[in-house]
């Protein structure tokens, strides 16, 4: 199982980023996928989860209405569209598959002016 995140970077407050997580080594379309994040000095927290069929199941309250999780089963990829970014969204964002308890390497998102 391999998960590779991309799309992080430095963005100004109010800006947008789209994170991608390319999956391989398992039947991607059959399993739920999650995005987590971990800010410096804080515990890792669940940001959003999406079912195998594409329905979002969980979204962190602080990102509701701003972040959207989606997936393309044909491309074995899960996305996190992040809009109206705030400095408190600064963190390393990780892709995770609960069925296999596997993590990606993470991608840094920094929201700063």
PDB file of N, CA and C in Angstrom:
ATOM      1  N   UNK A   1       0.853  -1.193   0.000  1.00  0.00           N
ATOM      2  CA  UNK A   1       0.000   0.000   0.000  1.00  0.00           C
ATOM      3  C   UNK A   1       0.889   1.242   0.000  1.00  0.00           C
ATOM      4  N   UNK A   2       0.621   2.139  -0.920  1.00  0.00           N
ATOM      5  CA  UNK A   2       1.390   3.378  -0.988  1.00  0.00           C
ATOM      6  C   UNK A   2       0.446   4.551  -1.204  1.00  0.00           C
ATOM      7  N   UNK A   3       0.664   5.607  -0.438  1.00  0.00           N
ATOM      8  CA  UNK A   3      -0.105   6.838  -0.555  1.00  0.00           C
ATOM      9  C   UNK A   3       0.871   7.992  -0.714  1.00  0.00           C
ATOM     10  N   UNK A   4       0.676   8.798  -1.739  1.00  0.00           N
ATOM     11  CA  UNK A   4       1.593   9.901  -2.015  1.00  0.00           C
ATOM     12  C   UNK A   4       0.787  11.185  -2.146  1.00  0.00           C
ATOM     13  N   UNK A   5       1.000  12.091  -1.184  1.00  0.00           N
ATOM     14  CA  UNK A   5       0.288  13.372  -1.198  1.00  0.00           C
ATOM     15  C   UNK A   5       1.072  14.403  -2.010  1.00  0.00           C
ATOM     16  N   UNK A   6       0.331  15.360  -2.535  1.00  0.00           N
ATOM     17  CA  UNK A   6       0.936  16.486  -3.237  1.00  0.00           C
ATOM     18  C   UNK A   6      -0.022  17.662  -3.185  1.00  0.00           C
ATOM     19  N   UNK A   7       0.492  18.838  -3.559  1.00  0.00           N
ATOM     20  CA  UNK A   7      -0.367  20.009  -3.669  1.00  0.00           C
ATOM     21  C   UNK A   7      -0.245  21.013  -2.545  1.00  0.00           C
ATOM     22  N   UNK A   8       0.547  20.712  -1.529  1.00  0.00           N
ATOM     23  CA  UNK A   8       0.719  21.661  -0.451  1.00  0.00           C
ATOM     24  C   UNK A   8       1.563  22.846  -0.869  1.00  0.00           C
ATOM     25  N   UNK A   9       1.670  23.828   0.032  1.00  0.00           N
ATOM     26  CA  UNK A   9       2.487  24.993  -0.266  1.00  0.00           C
ATOM     27  C   UNK A   9       2.139  26.148   0.639  1.00  0.00           C
ATOM     28  N   UNK A  10       2.644  27.303   0.259  1.00  0.00           N
ATOM     29  CA  UNK A  10       2.394  28.543   0.996  1.00  0.00           C
ATOM     30  C   UNK A  10       1.287  29.321   0.293  1.00  0.00           C
ATOM     31  N   UNK A  11       0.290  29.735   1.044  1.00  0.00           N
ATOM     32  CA  UNK A  11      -0.830  30.474   0.470  1.00  0.00           C
ATOM     33  C   UNK A  11      -1.240  31.574   1.438  1.00  0.00           C
ATOM     34  N   UNK A  12      -1.732  32.667   0.902  1.00  0.00           N
ATOM     35  CA  UNK A  12      -2.189  33.768   1.746  1.00  0.00           C
ATOM     36  C   UNK A  12      -3.558  33.456   2.352  1.00  0.00           C
ATOM     37  N   UNK A  13      -3.880  34.049   3.475  1.00  0.00           N
ATOM     38  CA  UNK A  13      -5.226  33.870   4.046  1.00  0.00           C
ATOM     39  C   UNK A  13      -6.295  34.227   3.022  1.00  0.00           C
ATOM     40  N   UNK A  14      -7.328  33.380   2.984  1.00  0.00           N
ATOM     41  CA  UNK A  14      -8.391  33.556   2.011  1.00  0.00           C
ATOM     42  C   UNK A  14      -8.161  32.819   0.714  1.00  0.00           C
ATOM     43  N   UNK A  15      -6.972  32.285   0.547  1.00  0.00           N
ATOM     44  CA  UNK A  15      -6.646  31.579  -0.685  1.00  0.00           C
ATOM     45  C   UNK A  15      -7.123  30.139  -0.692  1.00  0.00           C
ATOM     46  N   UNK A  16      -6.783  29.435  -1.764  1.00  0.00           N
ATOM     47  CA  UNK A  16      -7.225  28.052  -1.950  1.00  0.00           C
ATOM     48  C   UNK A  16      -6.063  27.164  -2.355  1.00  0.00           C
ATOM     49  N   UNK A  17      -6.186  25.905  -2.004  1.00  0.00           N
ATOM     50  CA  UNK A  17      -5.259  24.871  -2.444  1.00  0.00           C
ATOM     51  C   UNK A  17      -6.058  23.598  -2.664  1.00  0.00           C
ATOM     52  N   UNK A  18      -5.562  22.754  -3.560  1.00  0.00           N
ATOM     53  CA  UNK A  18      -6.155  21.430  -3.710  1.00  0.00           C
ATOM     54  C   UNK A  18      -5.067  20.390  -3.482  1.00  0.00           C
ATOM     55  N   UNK A  19      -5.275  19.578  -2.479  1.00  0.00           N
ATOM     56  CA  UNK A  19      -4.357  18.488  -2.193  1.00  0.00           C
ATOM     57  C   UNK A  19      -4.807  17.236  -2.941  1.00  0.00           C
ATOM     58  N   UNK A  20      -3.827  16.443  -3.344  1.00  0.00           N
ATOM     59  CA  UNK A  20      -4.095  15.168  -4.010  1.00  0.00           C
ATOM     60  C   UNK A  20      -3.370  14.064  -3.258  1.00  0.00           C
ATOM     61  N   UNK A  21      -3.949  12.886  -3.295  1.00  0.00           N
ATOM     62  CA  UNK A  21      -3.321  11.712  -2.708  1.00  0.00           C
ATOM     63  C   UNK A  21      -3.480  10.565  -3.702  1.00  0.00           C
ATOM     64  N   UNK A  22      -2.367  10.164  -4.292  1.00  0.00           N
ATOM     65  CA  UNK A  22      -2.373   9.061  -5.247  1.00  0.00           C
ATOM     66  C   UNK A  22      -2.136   7.754  -4.508  1.00  0.00           C
ATOM     67  N   UNK A  23      -3.037   6.802  -4.699  1.00  0.00           N
ATOM     68  CA  UNK A  23      -2.969   5.532  -3.986  1.00  0.00           C
ATOM     69  C   UNK A  23      -2.587   4.399  -4.921  1.00  0.00           C
ATOM     70  N   UNK A  24      -1.891   3.428  -4.379  1.00  0.00           N
ATOM     71  CA  UNK A  24      -1.531   2.241  -5.154  1.00  0.00           C
ATOM     72  C   UNK A  24      -1.356   1.066  -4.211  1.00  0.00           C
ATOM     73  N   UNK A  25      -1.416  -0.127  -4.780  1.00  0.00           N
ATOM     74  CA  UNK A  25      -1.170  -1.327  -3.985  1.00  0.00           C
ATOM     75  C   UNK A  25      -2.391  -1.954  -3.360  1.00  0.00           C
ATOM     76  N   UNK A  26      -3.555  -1.396  -3.617  1.00  0.00           N
ATOM     77  CA  UNK A  26      -4.789  -1.978  -3.103  1.00  0.00           C
ATOM     78  C   UNK A  26      -5.937  -1.546  -4.011  1.00  0.00           C
ATOM     79  N   UNK A  27      -7.087  -2.152  -3.790  1.00  0.00           N
ATOM     80  CA  UNK A  27      -8.251  -1.845  -4.615  1.00  0.00           C
ATOM     81  C   UNK A  27      -8.899  -0.563  -4.112  1.00  0.00           C
ATOM     82  N   UNK A  28      -8.365   0.538  -4.583  1.00  0.00           N
ATOM     83  CA  UNK A  28      -8.721   1.870  -4.075  1.00  0.00           C
ATOM     84  C   UNK A  28     -10.225   2.105  -4.029  1.00  0.00           C
ATOM     85  N   UNK A  29     -10.923   1.729  -5.075  1.00  0.00           N
ATOM     86  CA  UNK A  29     -12.348   2.055  -5.188  1.00  0.00           C
ATOM     87  C   UNK A  29     -13.209   1.344  -4.142  1.00  0.00           C
ATOM     88  N   UNK A  30     -12.639   0.382  -3.443  1.00  0.00           N
ATOM     89  CA  UNK A  30     -13.422  -0.406  -2.487  1.00  0.00           C
ATOM     90  C   UNK A  30     -13.393   0.140  -1.067  1.00  0.00           C
ATOM     91  N   UNK A  31     -12.570   1.144  -0.832  1.00  0.00           N
ATOM     92  CA  UNK A  31     -12.313   1.540   0.557  1.00  0.00           C
ATOM     93  C   UNK A  31     -12.506   3.029   0.816  1.00  0.00           C
ATOM     94  N   UNK A  32     -12.926   3.312   2.056  1.00  0.00           N
ATOM     95  CA  UNK A  32     -12.991   4.692   2.512  1.00  0.00           C
ATOM     96  C   UNK A  32     -11.584   5.280   2.587  1.00  0.00           C
ATOM     97  N   UNK A  33     -11.522   6.593   2.441  1.00  0.00           N
ATOM     98  CA  UNK A  33     -10.261   7.307   2.543  1.00  0.00           C
ATOM     99  C   UNK A  33     -10.443   8.520   3.455  1.00  0.00           C
ATOM    100  N   UNK A  34      -9.364   8.942   4.083  1.00  0.00           N
ATOM    101  CA  UNK A  34      -9.413  10.074   5.010  1.00  0.00           C
ATOM    102  C   UNK A  34      -8.270  11.050   4.769  1.00  0.00           C
ATOM    103  N   UNK A  35      -8.522  12.269   5.148  1.00  0.00           N
ATOM    104  CA  UNK A  35      -7.474  13.284   5.278  1.00  0.00           C
ATOM    105  C   UNK A  35      -7.372  13.671   6.753  1.00  0.00           C
ATOM    106  N   UNK A  36      -6.153  13.710   7.254  1.00  0.00           N
ATOM    107  CA  UNK A  36      -5.838  14.189   8.597  1.00  0.00           C
ATOM    108  C   UNK A  36      -4.901  15.380   8.471  1.00  0.00           C
ATOM    109  N   UNK A  37      -4.753  16.087   9.570  1.00  0.00           N
ATOM    110  CA  UNK A  37      -3.742  17.142   9.619  1.00  0.00           C
ATOM    111  C   UNK A  37      -3.138  17.204  11.019  1.00  0.00           C
ATOM    112  N   UNK A  38      -1.915  17.700  11.063  1.00  0.00           N
ATOM    113  CA  UNK A  38      -1.226  17.868  12.335  1.00  0.00           C
ATOM    114  C   UNK A  38      -0.473  19.183  12.336  1.00  0.00           C
ATOM    115  N   UNK A  39      -0.895  20.062  13.217  1.00  0.00           N
ATOM    116  CA  UNK A  39      -0.223  21.352  13.382  1.00  0.00           C
ATOM    117  C   UNK A  39       0.899  21.208  14.411  1.00  0.00           C
ATOM    118  N   UNK A  40       1.889  22.086  14.372  1.00  0.00           N
ATOM    119  CA  UNK A  40       3.005  22.002  15.327  1.00  0.00           C
ATOM    120  C   UNK A  40       2.505  22.019  16.762  1.00  0.00           C
ATOM    121  N   UNK A  41       2.958  21.048  17.540  1.00  0.00           N
ATOM    122  CA  UNK A  41       2.595  20.988  18.943  1.00  0.00           C
ATOM    123  C   UNK A  41       1.206  20.482  19.234  1.00  0.00           C
ATOM    124  N   UNK A  42       0.505  20.035  18.204  1.00  0.00           N
ATOM    125  CA  UNK A  42      -0.871  19.553  18.388  1.00  0.00           C
ATOM    126  C   UNK A  42      -0.999  18.113  17.919  1.00  0.00           C
ATOM    127  N   UNK A  43      -2.077  17.479  18.372  1.00  0.00           N
ATOM    128  CA  UNK A  43      -2.327  16.111  17.944  1.00  0.00           C
ATOM    129  C   UNK A  43      -2.867  16.086  16.513  1.00  0.00           C
ATOM    130  N   UNK A  44      -2.645  14.949  15.870  1.00  0.00           N
ATOM    131  CA  UNK A  44      -3.201  14.769  14.536  1.00  0.00           C
ATOM    132  C   UNK A  44      -4.720  14.690  14.640  1.00  0.00           C
ATOM    133  N   UNK A  45      -5.427  15.355  13.727  1.00  0.00           N
ATOM    134  CA  UNK A  45      -6.876  15.359  13.762  1.00  0.00           C
ATOM    135  C   UNK A  45      -7.466  14.998  12.415  1.00  0.00           C
ATOM    136  N   UNK A  46      -8.619  14.351  12.465  1.00  0.00           N
ATOM    137  CA  UNK A  46      -9.313  13.967  11.246  1.00  0.00           C
ATOM    138  C   UNK A  46      -9.954  15.197  10.614  1.00  0.00           C
ATOM    139  N   UNK A  47      -9.675  15.413   9.353  1.00  0.00           N
ATOM    140  CA  UNK A  47     -10.245  16.542   8.627  1.00  0.00           C
ATOM    141  C   UNK A  47     -11.518  16.120   7.887  1.00  0.00           C
ATOM    142  N   UNK A  48     -11.433  15.025   7.152  1.00  0.00           N
ATOM    143  CA  UNK A  48     -12.588  14.577   6.368  1.00  0.00           C
ATOM    144  C   UNK A  48     -12.401  13.125   5.962  1.00  0.00           C
ATOM    145  N   UNK A  49     -13.523  12.458   5.750  1.00  0.00           N
ATOM    146  CA  UNK A  49     -13.520  11.078   5.283  1.00  0.00           C
ATOM    147  C   UNK A  49     -14.512  10.951   4.142  1.00  0.00           C
ATOM    148  N   UNK A  50     -14.195  10.066   3.201  1.00  0.00           N
ATOM    149  CA  UNK A  50     -15.082   9.833   2.069  1.00  0.00           C
ATOM    150  C   UNK A  50     -15.250   8.337   1.875  1.00  0.00           C
ATOM    151  N   UNK A  51     -16.478   7.936   1.616  1.00  0.00           N
ATOM    152  CA  UNK A  51     -16.768   6.516   1.394  1.00  0.00           C
ATOM    153  C   UNK A  51     -16.262   6.063   0.016  1.00  0.00           C
ATOM    154  N   UNK A  52     -16.228   4.777  -0.159  1.00  0.00           N
ATOM    155  CA  UNK A  52     -15.734   4.233  -1.419  1.00  0.00           C
ATOM    156  C   UNK A  52     -16.532   4.753  -2.610  1.00  0.00           C
ATOM    157  N   UNK A  53     -17.822   4.956  -2.402  1.00  0.00           N
ATOM    158  CA  UNK A  53     -18.674   5.413  -3.495  1.00  0.00           C
ATOM    159  C   UNK A  53     -18.671   6.913  -3.712  1.00  0.00           C
ATOM    160  N   UNK A  54     -17.980   7.647  -2.846  1.00  0.00           N
ATOM    161  CA  UNK A  54     -17.841   9.076  -3.064  1.00  0.00           C
ATOM    162  C   UNK A  54     -18.633   9.974  -2.142  1.00  0.00           C
ATOM    163  N   UNK A  55     -19.326   9.390  -1.172  1.00  0.00           N
ATOM    164  CA  UNK A  55     -20.089  10.206  -0.234  1.00  0.00           C
ATOM    165  C   UNK A  55     -19.209  10.585   0.953  1.00  0.00           C
ATOM    166  N   UNK A  56     -19.237  11.865   1.292  1.00  0.00           N
ATOM    167  CA  UNK A  56     -18.473  12.314   2.449  1.00  0.00           C
ATOM    168  C   UNK A  56     -19.176  11.869   3.726  1.00  0.00           C
ATOM    169  N   UNK A  57     -18.415  11.308   4.667  1.00  0.00           N
ATOM    170  CA  UNK A  57     -19.016  10.819   5.893  1.00  0.00           C
ATOM    171  C   UNK A  57     -18.722  11.699   7.101  1.00  0.00           C
ATOM    172  N   UNK A  58     -17.553  12.272   7.127  1.00  0.00           N
ATOM    173  CA  UNK A  58     -17.156  13.063   8.289  1.00  0.00           C
ATOM    174  C   UNK A  58     -16.414  14.293   7.808  1.00  0.00           C
ATOM    175  N   UNK A  59     -16.650  15.416   8.473  1.00  0.00           N
ATOM    176  CA  UNK A  59     -15.904  16.641   8.198  1.00  0.00           C
ATOM    177  C   UNK A  59     -15.686  17.380   9.506  1.00  0.00           C
ATOM    178  N   UNK A  60     -14.467  17.788   9.740  1.00  0.00           N
ATOM    179  CA  UNK A  60     -14.131  18.556  10.935  1.00  0.00           C
ATOM    180  C   UNK A  60     -14.962  19.835  10.967  1.00  0.00           C
ATOM    181  N   UNK A  61     -15.543  20.137  12.109  1.00  0.00           N
ATOM    182  CA  UNK A  61     -16.442  21.300  12.209  1.00  0.00           C
ATOM    183  C   UNK A  61     -15.778  22.593  11.740  1.00  0.00           C
ATOM    184  N   UNK A  62     -14.524  22.762  12.080  1.00  0.00           N
ATOM    185  CA  UNK A  62     -13.850  24.028  11.771  1.00  0.00           C
ATOM    186  C   UNK A  62     -13.579  24.227  10.281  1.00  0.00           C
ATOM    187  N   UNK A  63     -13.769  23.181   9.474  1.00  0.00           N
ATOM    188  CA  UNK A  63     -13.522  23.325   8.027  1.00  0.00           C
ATOM    189  C   UNK A  63     -14.795  23.148   7.212  1.00  0.00           C
ATOM    190  N   UNK A  64     -15.907  22.874   7.871  1.00  0.00           N
ATOM    191  CA  UNK A  64     -17.160  22.706   7.131  1.00  0.00           C
ATOM    192  C   UNK A  64     -17.502  23.979   6.362  1.00  0.00           C
ATOM    193  N   UNK A  65     -17.925  23.779   5.116  1.00  0.00           N
ATOM    194  CA  UNK A  65     -18.235  24.914   4.260  1.00  0.00           C
ATOM    195  C   UNK A  65     -17.022  25.494   3.555  1.00  0.00           C
ATOM    196  N   UNK A  66     -15.815  25.037   3.924  1.00  0.00           N
ATOM    197  CA  UNK A  66     -14.595  25.530   3.281  1.00  0.00           C
ATOM    198  C   UNK A  66     -13.818  24.420   2.586  1.00  0.00           C
ATOM    199  N   UNK A  67     -13.798  23.251   3.158  1.00  0.00           N
ATOM    200  CA  UNK A  67     -13.039  22.127   2.601  1.00  0.00           C
ATOM    201  C   UNK A  67     -14.002  21.101   2.007  1.00  0.00           C
ATOM    202  N   UNK A  68     -13.603  20.522   0.891  1.00  0.00           N
ATOM    203  CA  UNK A  68     -14.405  19.490   0.242  1.00  0.00           C
ATOM    204  C   UNK A  68     -13.519  18.301  -0.098  1.00  0.00           C
ATOM    205  N   UNK A  69     -13.911  17.131   0.369  1.00  0.00           N
ATOM    206  CA  UNK A  69     -13.191  15.912   0.013  1.00  0.00           C
ATOM    207  C   UNK A  69     -13.894  15.263  -1.165  1.00  0.00           C
ATOM    208  N   UNK A  70     -13.101  14.728  -2.091  1.00  0.00           N
ATOM    209  CA  UNK A  70     -13.661  14.045  -3.252  1.00  0.00           C
ATOM    210  C   UNK A  70     -12.684  12.965  -3.694  1.00  0.00           C
ATOM    211  N   UNK A  71     -13.125  12.152  -4.630  1.00  0.00           N
ATOM    212  CA  UNK A  71     -12.243  11.089  -5.118  1.00  0.00           C
ATOM    213  C   UNK A  71     -12.541  10.782  -6.567  1.00  0.00           C
ATOM    214  N   UNK A  72     -11.529  10.267  -7.238  1.00  0.00           N
ATOM    215  CA  UNK A  72     -11.654   9.794  -8.611  1.00  0.00           C
ATOM    216  C   UNK A  72     -11.174   8.352  -8.603  1.00  0.00           C
ATOM    217  N   UNK A  73     -12.109   7.423  -8.580  1.00  0.00           N
ATOM    218  CA  UNK A  73     -11.727   6.010  -8.490  1.00  0.00           C
ATOM    219  C   UNK A  73     -11.025   5.518  -9.747  1.00  0.00           C
ATOM    220  N   UNK A  74     -11.267   6.186 -10.855  1.00  0.00           N
ATOM    221  CA  UNK A  74     -10.562   5.820 -12.076  1.00  0.00           C
ATOM    222  C   UNK A  74      -9.086   6.191 -12.044  1.00  0.00           C
ATOM    223  N   UNK A  75      -8.764   7.191 -11.228  1.00  0.00           N
ATOM    224  CA  UNK A  75      -7.373   7.638 -11.108  1.00  0.00           C
ATOM    225  C   UNK A  75      -6.746   7.219  -9.779  1.00  0.00           C
ATOM    226  N   UNK A  76      -7.499   6.460  -8.967  1.00  0.00           N
ATOM    227  CA  UNK A  76      -6.991   6.039  -7.651  1.00  0.00           C
ATOM    228  C   UNK A  76      -6.489   7.228  -6.840  1.00  0.00           C
ATOM    229  N   UNK A  77      -7.248   8.289  -6.837  1.00  0.00           N
ATOM    230  CA  UNK A  77      -6.808   9.523  -6.195  1.00  0.00           C
ATOM    231  C   UNK A  77      -7.934  10.117  -5.349  1.00  0.00           C
ATOM    232  N   UNK A  78      -7.556  10.599  -4.176  1.00  0.00           N
ATOM    233  CA  UNK A  78      -8.481  11.336  -3.324  1.00  0.00           C
ATOM    234  C   UNK A  78      -7.981  12.775  -3.223  1.00  0.00           C
ATOM    235  N   UNK A  79      -8.907  13.708  -3.161  1.00  0.00           N
ATOM    236  CA  UNK A  79      -8.575  15.129  -3.170  1.00  0.00           C
ATOM    237  C   UNK A  79      -9.119  15.814  -1.927  1.00  0.00           C
ATOM    238  N   UNK A  80      -8.493  16.933  -1.584  1.00  0.00           N
ATOM    239  CA  UNK A  80      -9.034  17.816  -0.563  1.00  0.00           C
ATOM    240  C   UNK A  80      -8.950  19.234  -1.108  1.00  0.00           C
ATOM    241  N   UNK A  81     -10.088  19.765  -1.493  1.00  0.00           N
ATOM    242  CA  UNK A  81     -10.167  21.156  -1.957  1.00  0.00           C
ATOM    243  C   UNK A  81     -10.332  22.048  -0.735  1.00  0.00           C
ATOM    244  N   UNK A  82      -9.416  22.959  -0.565  1.00  0.00           N
ATOM    245  CA  UNK A  82      -9.412  23.826   0.610  1.00  0.00           C
ATOM    246  C   UNK A  82      -9.583  25.269   0.164  1.00  0.00           C
ATOM    247  N   UNK A  83     -10.673  25.879   0.588  1.00  0.00           N
ATOM    248  CA  UNK A  83     -10.986  27.258   0.232  1.00  0.00           C
ATOM    249  C   UNK A  83     -11.018  28.127   1.475  1.00  0.00           C
ATOM    250  N   UNK A  84     -10.951  29.419   1.249  1.00  0.00           N
ATOM    251  CA  UNK A  84     -11.008  30.389   2.363  1.00  0.00           C
ATOM    252  C   UNK A  84     -10.049  29.994   3.489  1.00  0.00           C
ATOM    253  N   UNK A  85      -8.839  29.708   3.117  1.00  0.00           N
ATOM    254  CA  UNK A  85      -7.864  29.211   4.089  1.00  0.00           C
ATOM    255  C   UNK A  85      -7.534  30.251   5.146  1.00  0.00           C
ATOM    256  N   UNK A  86      -7.290  29.751   6.350  1.00  0.00           N
ATOM    257  CA  UNK A  86      -6.985  30.601   7.497  1.00  0.00           C
ATOM    258  C   UNK A  86      -5.616  30.194   8.065  1.00  0.00           C
ATOM    259  N   UNK A  87      -4.975  31.078   8.783  1.00  0.00           N
ATOM    260  CA  UNK A  87      -3.681  30.715   9.379  1.00  0.00           C
ATOM    261  C   UNK A  87      -3.768  29.464  10.257  1.00  0.00           C
ATOM    262  N   UNK A  88      -4.889  29.259  10.898  1.00  0.00           N
ATOM    263  CA  UNK A  88      -5.039  28.082  11.765  1.00  0.00           C
ATOM    264  C   UNK A  88      -5.172  26.781  10.991  1.00  0.00           C
ATOM    265  N   UNK A  89      -5.269  26.864   9.667  1.00  0.00           N
ATOM    266  CA  UNK A  89      -5.255  25.659   8.844  1.00  0.00           C
ATOM    267  C   UNK A  89      -3.830  25.179   8.556  1.00  0.00           C
ATOM    268  N   UNK A  90      -2.856  25.955   8.967  1.00  0.00           N
ATOM    269  CA  UNK A  90      -1.463  25.572   8.767  1.00  0.00           C
ATOM    270  C   UNK A  90      -1.168  24.257   9.476  1.00  0.00           C
ATOM    271  N   UNK A  91      -0.660  23.290   8.721  1.00  0.00           N
ATOM    272  CA  UNK A  91      -0.411  21.958   9.266  1.00  0.00           C
ATOM    273  C   UNK A  91       0.218  21.095   8.175  1.00  0.00           C
ATOM    274  N   UNK A  92       0.667  19.934   8.582  1.00  0.00           N
ATOM    275  CA  UNK A  92       1.007  18.894   7.625  1.00  0.00           C
ATOM    276  C   UNK A  92      -0.258  18.065   7.416  1.00  0.00           C
ATOM    277  N   UNK A  93      -0.617  17.869   6.168  1.00  0.00           N
ATOM    278  CA  UNK A  93      -1.830  17.137   5.818  1.00  0.00           C
ATOM    279  C   UNK A  93      -1.449  15.747   5.324  1.00  0.00           C
ATOM    280  N   UNK A  94      -2.161  14.753   5.863  1.00  0.00           N
ATOM    281  CA  UNK A  94      -1.857  13.361   5.571  1.00  0.00           C
ATOM    282  C   UNK A  94      -3.075  12.659   4.984  1.00  0.00           C
ATOM    283  N   UNK A  95      -2.798  11.776   4.071  1.00  0.00           N
ATOM    284  CA  UNK A  95      -3.787  10.878   3.508  1.00  0.00           C
ATOM    285  C   UNK A  95      -3.706   9.563   4.289  1.00  0.00           C
ATOM    286  N   UNK A  96      -4.864   8.902   4.469  1.00  0.00           N
ATOM    287  CA  UNK A  96      -4.886   7.687   5.280  1.00  0.00           C
ATOM    288  C   UNK A  96      -5.969   6.748   4.787  1.00  0.00           C
ATOM    289  N   UNK A  97      -5.634   5.457   4.758  1.00  0.00           N
ATOM    290  CA  UNK A  97      -6.632   4.459   4.441  1.00  0.00           C
ATOM    291  C   UNK A  97      -6.881   3.601   5.675  1.00  0.00           C
ATOM    292  N   UNK A  98      -8.061   3.709   6.306  1.00  0.00           N
ATOM    293  CA  UNK A  98      -8.308   2.977   7.547  1.00  0.00           C
ATOM    294  C   UNK A  98      -8.288   1.463   7.370  1.00  0.00           C
ATOM    295  N   UNK A  99      -8.649   0.979   6.193  1.00  0.00           N
ATOM    296  CA  UNK A  99      -8.697  -0.471   5.994  1.00  0.00           C
ATOM    297  C   UNK A  99      -7.325  -1.106   6.145  1.00  0.00           C
ATOM    298  N   UNK A 100      -6.282  -0.352   5.808  1.00  0.00           N
ATOM    299  CA  UNK A 100      -4.919  -0.891   5.853  1.00  0.00           C
ATOM    300  C   UNK A 100      -4.038  -0.138   6.848  1.00  0.00           C
ATOM    301  N   UNK A 101      -4.604   0.829   7.536  1.00  0.00           N
ATOM    302  CA  UNK A 101      -3.866   1.619   8.530  1.00  0.00           C
ATOM    303  C   UNK A 101      -2.569   2.165   7.946  1.00  0.00           C
ATOM    304  N   UNK A 102      -2.665   2.697   6.733  1.00  0.00           N
ATOM    305  CA  UNK A 102      -1.472   3.215   6.061  1.00  0.00           C
ATOM    306  C   UNK A 102      -1.551   4.727   5.879  1.00  0.00           C
ATOM    307  N   UNK A 103      -0.417   5.367   6.086  1.00  0.00           N
ATOM    308  CA  UNK A 103      -0.319   6.820   5.969  1.00  0.00           C
ATOM    309  C   UNK A 103       0.572   7.209   4.799  1.00  0.00           C
ATOM    310  N   UNK A 104       0.277   8.370   4.226  1.00  0.00           N
ATOM    311  CA  UNK A 104       1.205   8.967   3.289  1.00  0.00           C
ATOM    312  C   UNK A 104       2.293   9.708   4.055  1.00  0.00           C
ATOM    313  N   UNK A 105       3.202  10.342   3.306  1.00  0.00           N
ATOM    314  CA  UNK A 105       4.324  11.039   3.936  1.00  0.00           C
ATOM    315  C   UNK A 105       3.932  12.436   4.406  1.00  0.00           C
ATOM    316  N   UNK A 106       2.801  12.932   3.938  1.00  0.00           N
ATOM    317  CA  UNK A 106       2.320  14.239   4.332  1.00  0.00           C
ATOM    318  C   UNK A 106       2.757  15.333   3.386  1.00  0.00           C
ATOM    319  N   UNK A 107       1.975  16.408   3.359  1.00  0.00           N
ATOM    320  CA  UNK A 107       2.302  17.585   2.568  1.00  0.00           C
ATOM    321  C   UNK A 107       2.038  18.823   3.416  1.00  0.00           C
ATOM    322  N   UNK A 108       2.997  19.739   3.415  1.00  0.00           N
ATOM    323  CA  UNK A 108       2.908  20.919   4.284  1.00  0.00           C
ATOM    324  C   UNK A 108       2.019  21.975   3.646  1.00  0.00           C
ATOM    325  N   UNK A 109       1.092  22.484   4.439  1.00  0.00           N
ATOM    326  CA  UNK A 109       0.261  23.618   4.040  1.00  0.00           C
ATOM    327  C   UNK A 109       0.531  24.754   5.031  1.00  0.00           C
ATOM    328  N   UNK A 110       0.946  25.891   4.501  1.00  0.00           N
ATOM    329  CA  UNK A 110       1.212  27.057   5.330  1.00  0.00           C
ATOM    330  C   UNK A 110       0.366  28.214   4.842  1.00  0.00           C
ATOM    331  N   UNK A 111      -0.434  28.757   5.751  1.00  0.00           N
ATOM    332  CA  UNK A 111      -1.303  29.882   5.417  1.00  0.00           C
ATOM    333  C   UNK A 111      -0.776  31.111   6.157  1.00  0.00           C
ATOM    334  N   UNK A 112      -0.230  32.031   5.399  1.00  0.00           N
ATOM    335  CA  UNK A 112       0.412  33.189   6.000  1.00  0.00           C
ATOM    336  C   UNK A 112       0.494  34.323   5.000  1.00  0.00           C
ATOM    337  N   UNK A 113       0.413  35.539   5.511  1.00  0.00           N
ATOM    338  CA  UNK A 113       0.587  36.711   4.654  1.00  0.00           C
ATOM    339  C   UNK A 113       2.051  37.150   4.655  1.00  0.00           C
TER     340      UNK A 113
END
